[in-house]
Amino acid sequence: MAYLLCFVLGFGITGKQYVGWNYLLEMQPSNKQVQVGTLEFIFEGVVYFSITFYFGWVNKEWRYV
């Protein structure tokens, strides 16, 4: 069940990310869209890496849902 829910969650996150990303870029001036879009994806990657690092090496007290 956990694998199924993670699979469904992946579809939802992907849709949410790209809809939000498009709205974010539409609100920016055209000369800043590349910089803003790049920074958004960099920060997203840093968040995933930080969570993985924290639960992999700092805190060993995690459990499966």
C-alpha atoms as a PDB file:
ATOM      1  CA  MET A   1       0.000   0.000   0.000  1.00  0.00           C
ATOM      2  CA  ALA A   2       2.859   2.391   0.815  1.00  0.00           C
ATOM      3  CA  TYR A   3       4.414   1.835  -2.628  1.00  0.00           C
ATOM      4  CA  LEU A   4       1.102   2.464  -4.322  1.00  0.00           C
ATOM      5  CA  LEU A   5       0.566   5.690  -2.392  1.00  0.00           C
ATOM      6  CA  CYS A   6       4.104   6.886  -3.147  1.00  0.00           C
ATOM      7  CA  PHE A   7       3.477   6.185  -6.828  1.00  0.00           C
ATOM      8  CA  VAL A   8       0.231   8.206  -6.787  1.00  0.00           C
ATOM      9  CA  LEU A   9       1.911  10.966  -4.773  1.00  0.00           C
ATOM     10  CA  GLY A  10       4.626  11.210  -7.427  1.00  0.00           C
ATOM     11  CA  PHE A  11       2.040  11.952 -10.105  1.00  0.00           C
ATOM     12  CA  GLY A  12       0.405  14.601  -7.921  1.00  0.00           C
ATOM     13  CA  ILE A  13       3.652  16.330  -7.053  1.00  0.00           C
ATOM     14  CA  THR A  14       4.755  16.435 -10.672  1.00  0.00           C
ATOM     15  CA  GLY A  15       1.514  18.094 -11.758  1.00  0.00           C
ATOM     16  CA  LYS A  16       1.598  20.556  -8.893  1.00  0.00           C
ATOM     17  CA  GLN A  17       5.215  21.484  -9.498  1.00  0.00           C
ATOM     18  CA  TYR A  18       4.837  22.271 -13.178  1.00  0.00           C
ATOM     19  CA  VAL A  19       1.572  24.155 -12.835  1.00  0.00           C
ATOM     20  CA  GLY A  20       3.085  26.231 -10.024  1.00  0.00           C
ATOM     21  CA  TRP A  21       6.286  26.695 -11.995  1.00  0.00           C
ATOM     22  CA  ASN A  22       4.358  28.013 -15.006  1.00  0.00           C
ATOM     23  CA  TYR A  23       2.423  30.446 -12.820  1.00  0.00           C
ATOM     24  CA  LEU A  24       5.668  31.583 -11.201  1.00  0.00           C
ATOM     25  CA  LEU A  25       7.269  32.305 -14.564  1.00  0.00           C
ATOM     26  CA  GLU A  26       4.216  34.096 -15.912  1.00  0.00           C
ATOM     27  CA  MET A  27       4.427  36.570 -13.018  1.00  0.00           C
ATOM     28  CA  GLN A  28       8.069  37.460 -13.771  1.00  0.00           C
ATOM     29  CA  PRO A  29       9.384  39.939 -16.321  1.00  0.00           C
ATOM     30  CA  SER A  30      10.545  38.138 -19.464  1.00  0.00           C
ATOM     31  CA  ASN A  31      14.205  39.012 -18.866  1.00  0.00           C
ATOM     32  CA  LYS A  32      14.172  37.359 -15.392  1.00  0.00           C
ATOM     33  CA  GLN A  33      12.282  34.149 -16.214  1.00  0.00           C
ATOM     34  CA  VAL A  34      15.364  32.000 -16.798  1.00  0.00           C
ATOM     35  CA  GLN A  35      17.023  33.063 -13.551  1.00  0.00           C
ATOM     36  CA  VAL A  36      13.855  32.631 -11.468  1.00  0.00           C
ATOM     37  CA  GLY A  37      13.048  29.233 -12.975  1.00  0.00           C
ATOM     38  CA  THR A  38      16.613  27.996 -12.430  1.00  0.00           C
ATOM     39  CA  LEU A  39      16.670  29.161  -8.815  1.00  0.00           C
ATOM     40  CA  GLU A  40      13.347  27.468  -8.125  1.00  0.00           C
ATOM     41  CA  PHE A  41      14.651  24.106  -9.337  1.00  0.00           C
ATOM     42  CA  ILE A  42      17.948  24.548  -7.460  1.00  0.00           C
ATOM     43  CA  PHE A  43      16.098  25.210  -4.199  1.00  0.00           C
ATOM     44  CA  GLU A  44      13.834  22.211  -4.822  1.00  0.00           C
ATOM     45  CA  GLY A  45      16.876  19.991  -5.322  1.00  0.00           C
ATOM     46  CA  VAL A  46      18.522  21.334  -2.159  1.00  0.00           C
ATOM     47  CA  VAL A  47      15.399  20.481  -0.140  1.00  0.00           C
ATOM     48  CA  TYR A  48      15.342  16.865  -1.367  1.00  0.00           C
ATOM     49  CA  PHE A  49      19.077  16.492  -0.777  1.00  0.00           C
ATOM     50  CA  SER A  50      18.802  18.000   2.724  1.00  0.00           C
ATOM     51  CA  ILE A  51      16.014  15.622   3.717  1.00  0.00           C
ATOM     52  CA  THR A  52      17.968  12.643   2.396  1.00  0.00           C
ATOM     53  CA  PHE A  53      21.133  13.763   4.180  1.00  0.00           C
ATOM     54  CA  TYR A  54      19.302  14.371   7.450  1.00  0.00           C
ATOM     55  CA  PHE A  55      17.580  11.009   7.592  1.00  0.00           C
ATOM     56  CA  GLY A  56      20.572   9.145   6.142  1.00  0.00           C
ATOM     57  CA  TRP A  57      23.354  10.431   8.384  1.00  0.00           C
ATOM     58  CA  VAL A  58      22.059  12.741  11.125  1.00  0.00           C
ATOM     59  CA  ASN A  59      18.879  11.190  12.495  1.00  0.00           C
ATOM     60  CA  LYS A  60      18.518   7.415  12.445  1.00  0.00           C
ATOM     61  CA  GLU A  61      15.057   7.466  14.071  1.00  0.00           C
ATOM     62  CA  TRP A  62      12.866   7.229  10.962  1.00  0.00           C
ATOM     63  CA  ARG A  63      10.200   4.677  10.216  1.00  0.00           C
ATOM     64  CA  TYR A  64       8.178   3.619   7.201  1.00  0.00           C
ATOM     65  CA  VAL A  65       4.604   4.824   7.097  1.00  0.00           C
END
